[in-house]
Amino acid sequence: TQPNQKLNGMDFKLKRPATINGKLTGFGDLSGKKVRAINTDMRDNRYYVPTTRSKKDGSFELKFVRPGETLVQVEPFWLDPNAAPNTSTQKLNVEEGQVIKEVEIQFTPQN
């Protein structure tokens, strides 16, 4: 597209993003771990999905999450998010504008 270009016959619908709040569980240092939300429809670019770092107590907040079936994951991340271990992934059905609280994800340190 070009600036000021008119697209006839197109209907663009924007949806309000969701927010996901949660906490990492497990042993070891839970601070500063990367946590992301990626949709299962594989329309996301893994470099630009909502990502944050956990606080000292393991808590995290992901903002601007796209509605739909979503995987909330803690690092290390897998190229195919559906192949990540179930212990480090929480599958959620995220609705437009929703605030989801108390999501728990198991963090296991890598050797």
C-alpha atoms as a PDB file:
ATOM      1  CA  THR A   1       0.000   0.000   0.000  1.00  0.00           C
ATOM      2  CA  GLN A   2       0.930   3.638  -0.360  1.00  0.00           C
ATOM      3  CA  PRO A   3       0.237   6.620   1.941  1.00  0.00           C
ATOM      4  CA  ASN A   4      -3.344   7.932   1.491  1.00  0.00           C
ATOM      5  CA  GLN A   5      -4.210   5.005  -0.775  1.00  0.00           C
ATOM      6  CA  LYS A   6      -7.902   4.090  -0.678  1.00  0.00           C
ATOM      7  CA  LEU A   7      -8.785   0.431  -0.540  1.00  0.00           C
ATOM      8  CA  ASN A   8     -12.306  -0.131  -1.805  1.00  0.00           C
ATOM      9  CA  GLY A   9     -14.172  -3.259  -0.803  1.00  0.00           C
ATOM     10  CA  MET A  10     -11.940  -3.847   2.236  1.00  0.00           C
ATOM     11  CA  ASP A  11     -13.269  -4.026   5.768  1.00  0.00           C
ATOM     12  CA  PHE A  12     -10.610  -3.688   8.491  1.00  0.00           C
ATOM     13  CA  LYS A  13     -11.705  -4.586  12.011  1.00  0.00           C
ATOM     14  CA  LEU A  14      -9.428  -3.789  14.938  1.00  0.00           C
ATOM     15  CA  LYS A  15      -9.806  -5.626  18.217  1.00  0.00           C
ATOM     16  CA  ARG A  16      -8.893  -4.414  21.682  1.00  0.00           C
ATOM     17  CA  PRO A  17      -5.839  -6.266  23.021  1.00  0.00           C
ATOM     18  CA  ALA A  18      -5.865  -8.337  26.200  1.00  0.00           C
ATOM     19  CA  THR A  19      -3.563  -8.360  29.233  1.00  0.00           C
ATOM     20  CA  ILE A  20      -2.217 -11.486  30.935  1.00  0.00           C
ATOM     21  CA  ASN A  21      -0.865 -11.434  34.499  1.00  0.00           C
ATOM     22  CA  GLY A  22       0.826 -14.423  36.052  1.00  0.00           C
ATOM     23  CA  LYS A  23       3.688 -15.898  38.008  1.00  0.00           C
ATOM     24  CA  LEU A  24       6.508 -18.315  37.362  1.00  0.00           C
ATOM     25  CA  THR A  25       6.795 -21.235  39.753  1.00  0.00           C
ATOM     26  CA  GLY A  26       9.660 -23.618  40.317  1.00  0.00           C
ATOM     27  CA  PHE A  27      13.075 -23.464  41.891  1.00  0.00           C
ATOM     28  CA  GLY A  28      16.065 -21.247  41.312  1.00  0.00           C
ATOM     29  CA  ASP A  29      16.157 -17.573  40.426  1.00  0.00           C
ATOM     30  CA  LEU A  30      12.811 -16.600  38.862  1.00  0.00           C
ATOM     31  CA  SER A  31      13.717 -12.962  38.153  1.00  0.00           C
ATOM     32  CA  GLY A  32      14.436 -11.619  34.690  1.00  0.00           C
ATOM     33  CA  LYS A  33      13.114 -14.641  32.768  1.00  0.00           C
ATOM     34  CA  LYS A  34      11.566 -13.939  29.367  1.00  0.00           C
ATOM     35  CA  VAL A  35       7.855 -14.706  29.096  1.00  0.00           C
ATOM     36  CA  ARG A  36       5.881 -14.411  25.851  1.00  0.00           C
ATOM     37  CA  ALA A  37       2.369 -14.789  24.475  1.00  0.00           C
ATOM     38  CA  ILE A  38       2.078 -16.274  20.983  1.00  0.00           C
ATOM     39  CA  ASN A  39      -1.098 -17.291  19.154  1.00  0.00           C
ATOM     40  CA  THR A  40      -1.530 -20.875  17.982  1.00  0.00           C
ATOM     41  CA  ASP A  41      -2.787 -19.819  14.524  1.00  0.00           C
ATOM     42  CA  MET A  42       0.875 -19.214  13.549  1.00  0.00           C
ATOM     43  CA  ARG A  43       0.077 -15.751  12.093  1.00  0.00           C
ATOM     44  CA  ASP A  44       2.499 -14.113  14.538  1.00  0.00           C
ATOM     45  CA  ASN A  45       6.130 -13.332  13.911  1.00  0.00           C
ATOM     46  CA  ARG A  46       8.024 -14.830  16.851  1.00  0.00           C
ATOM     47  CA  TYR A  47      10.278 -11.759  17.039  1.00  0.00           C
ATOM     48  CA  TYR A  48       7.366  -9.364  17.569  1.00  0.00           C
ATOM     49  CA  VAL A  49       4.989 -11.123  19.961  1.00  0.00           C
ATOM     50  CA  PRO A  50       4.235  -9.614  23.383  1.00  0.00           C
ATOM     51  CA  THR A  51       7.248 -10.436  25.562  1.00  0.00           C
ATOM     52  CA  THR A  52       8.272  -9.317  29.043  1.00  0.00           C
ATOM     53  CA  ARG A  53      10.669 -10.267  31.838  1.00  0.00           C
ATOM     54  CA  SER A  54       9.602 -11.650  35.189  1.00  0.00           C
ATOM     55  CA  LYS A  55      10.082  -9.636  38.370  1.00  0.00           C
ATOM     56  CA  LYS A  56      12.115 -10.801  41.358  1.00  0.00           C
ATOM     57  CA  ASP A  57       9.151 -12.767  42.758  1.00  0.00           C
ATOM     58  CA  GLY A  58       8.493 -14.423  39.358  1.00  0.00           C
ATOM     59  CA  SER A  59       5.448 -12.306  38.520  1.00  0.00           C
ATOM     60  CA  PHE A  60       4.917 -10.963  35.000  1.00  0.00           C
ATOM     61  CA  GLU A  61       2.481  -8.908  32.919  1.00  0.00           C
ATOM     62  CA  LEU A  62       1.981  -9.286  29.169  1.00  0.00           C
ATOM     63  CA  LYS A  63       0.195  -6.381  27.471  1.00  0.00           C
ATOM     64  CA  PHE A  64      -1.222  -6.012  23.952  1.00  0.00           C
ATOM     65  CA  VAL A  65      -2.018  -9.718  23.545  1.00  0.00           C
ATOM     66  CA  ARG A  66      -3.993 -10.566  20.407  1.00  0.00           C
ATOM     67  CA  PRO A  67      -7.307 -12.352  21.063  1.00  0.00           C
ATOM     68  CA  GLY A  68      -7.535 -16.054  20.200  1.00  0.00           C
ATOM     69  CA  GLU A  69      -5.995 -19.306  21.353  1.00  0.00           C
ATOM     70  CA  THR A  70      -2.700 -18.235  22.921  1.00  0.00           C
ATOM     71  CA  LEU A  71       0.334 -19.965  24.381  1.00  0.00           C
ATOM     72  CA  VAL A  72       1.999 -18.222  27.323  1.00  0.00           C
ATOM     73  CA  GLN A  73       5.554 -19.532  27.562  1.00  0.00           C
ATOM     74  CA  VAL A  74       8.723 -19.044  29.578  1.00  0.00           C
ATOM     75  CA  GLU A  75      12.182 -19.256  28.035  1.00  0.00           C
ATOM     76  CA  PRO A  76      13.851 -21.098  26.405  1.00  0.00           C
ATOM     77  CA  PHE A  77      11.534 -20.589  23.433  1.00  0.00           C
ATOM     78  CA  TRP A  78      11.065 -23.174  20.688  1.00  0.00           C
ATOM     79  CA  LEU A  79      10.995 -22.383  16.973  1.00  0.00           C
ATOM     80  CA  ASP A  80       7.608 -24.115  16.800  1.00  0.00           C
ATOM     81  CA  PRO A  81       5.795 -22.853  19.918  1.00  0.00           C
ATOM     82  CA  ASN A  82       3.453 -25.864  19.822  1.00  0.00           C
ATOM     83  CA  ALA A  83       6.460 -28.177  20.362  1.00  0.00           C
ATOM     84  CA  ALA A  84       7.494 -26.555  23.669  1.00  0.00           C
ATOM     85  CA  PRO A  85       7.179 -28.688  26.821  1.00  0.00           C
ATOM     86  CA  ASN A  86       3.773 -28.546  28.508  1.00  0.00           C
ATOM     87  CA  THR A  87       5.406 -27.675  31.820  1.00  0.00           C
ATOM     88  CA  SER A  88       6.701 -24.341  30.475  1.00  0.00           C
ATOM     89  CA  THR A  89       3.538 -23.479  28.515  1.00  0.00           C
ATOM     90  CA  GLN A  90       0.013 -22.459  29.465  1.00  0.00           C
ATOM     91  CA  LYS A  91      -2.667 -22.526  26.722  1.00  0.00           C
ATOM     92  CA  LEU A  92      -5.365 -19.876  27.087  1.00  0.00           C
ATOM     93  CA  ASN A  93      -8.382 -18.744  25.116  1.00  0.00           C
ATOM     94  CA  VAL A  94      -7.961 -14.961  25.142  1.00  0.00           C
ATOM     95  CA  GLU A  95     -10.929 -12.691  24.446  1.00  0.00           C
ATOM     96  CA  GLU A  96     -10.895  -9.108  23.221  1.00  0.00           C
ATOM     97  CA  GLY A  97     -10.093  -6.614  26.005  1.00  0.00           C
ATOM     98  CA  GLN A  98      -9.867  -9.364  28.630  1.00  0.00           C
ATOM     99  CA  VAL A  99      -7.590  -9.153  31.687  1.00  0.00           C
ATOM    100  CA  ILE A 100      -6.459 -12.630  32.683  1.00  0.00           C
ATOM    101  CA  LYS A 101      -4.989 -13.076  36.161  1.00  0.00           C
ATOM    102  CA  GLU A 102      -3.244 -15.811  38.134  1.00  0.00           C
ATOM    103  CA  VAL A 103      -1.630 -17.697  35.240  1.00  0.00           C
ATOM    104  CA  GLU A 104       1.068 -20.036  36.584  1.00  0.00           C
ATOM    105  CA  ILE A 105       3.937 -21.368  34.484  1.00  0.00           C
ATOM    106  CA  GLN A 106       6.595 -23.806  35.646  1.00  0.00           C
ATOM    107  CA  PHE A 107      10.168 -22.595  35.126  1.00  0.00           C
ATOM    108  CA  THR A 108      12.874 -25.267  34.907  1.00  0.00           C
ATOM    109  CA  PRO A 109      16.492 -24.072  34.717  1.00  0.00           C
ATOM    110  CA  GLN A 110      18.435 -25.442  31.727  1.00  0.00           C
ATOM    111  CA  ASN A 111      21.757 -27.218  32.270  1.00  0.00           C
END
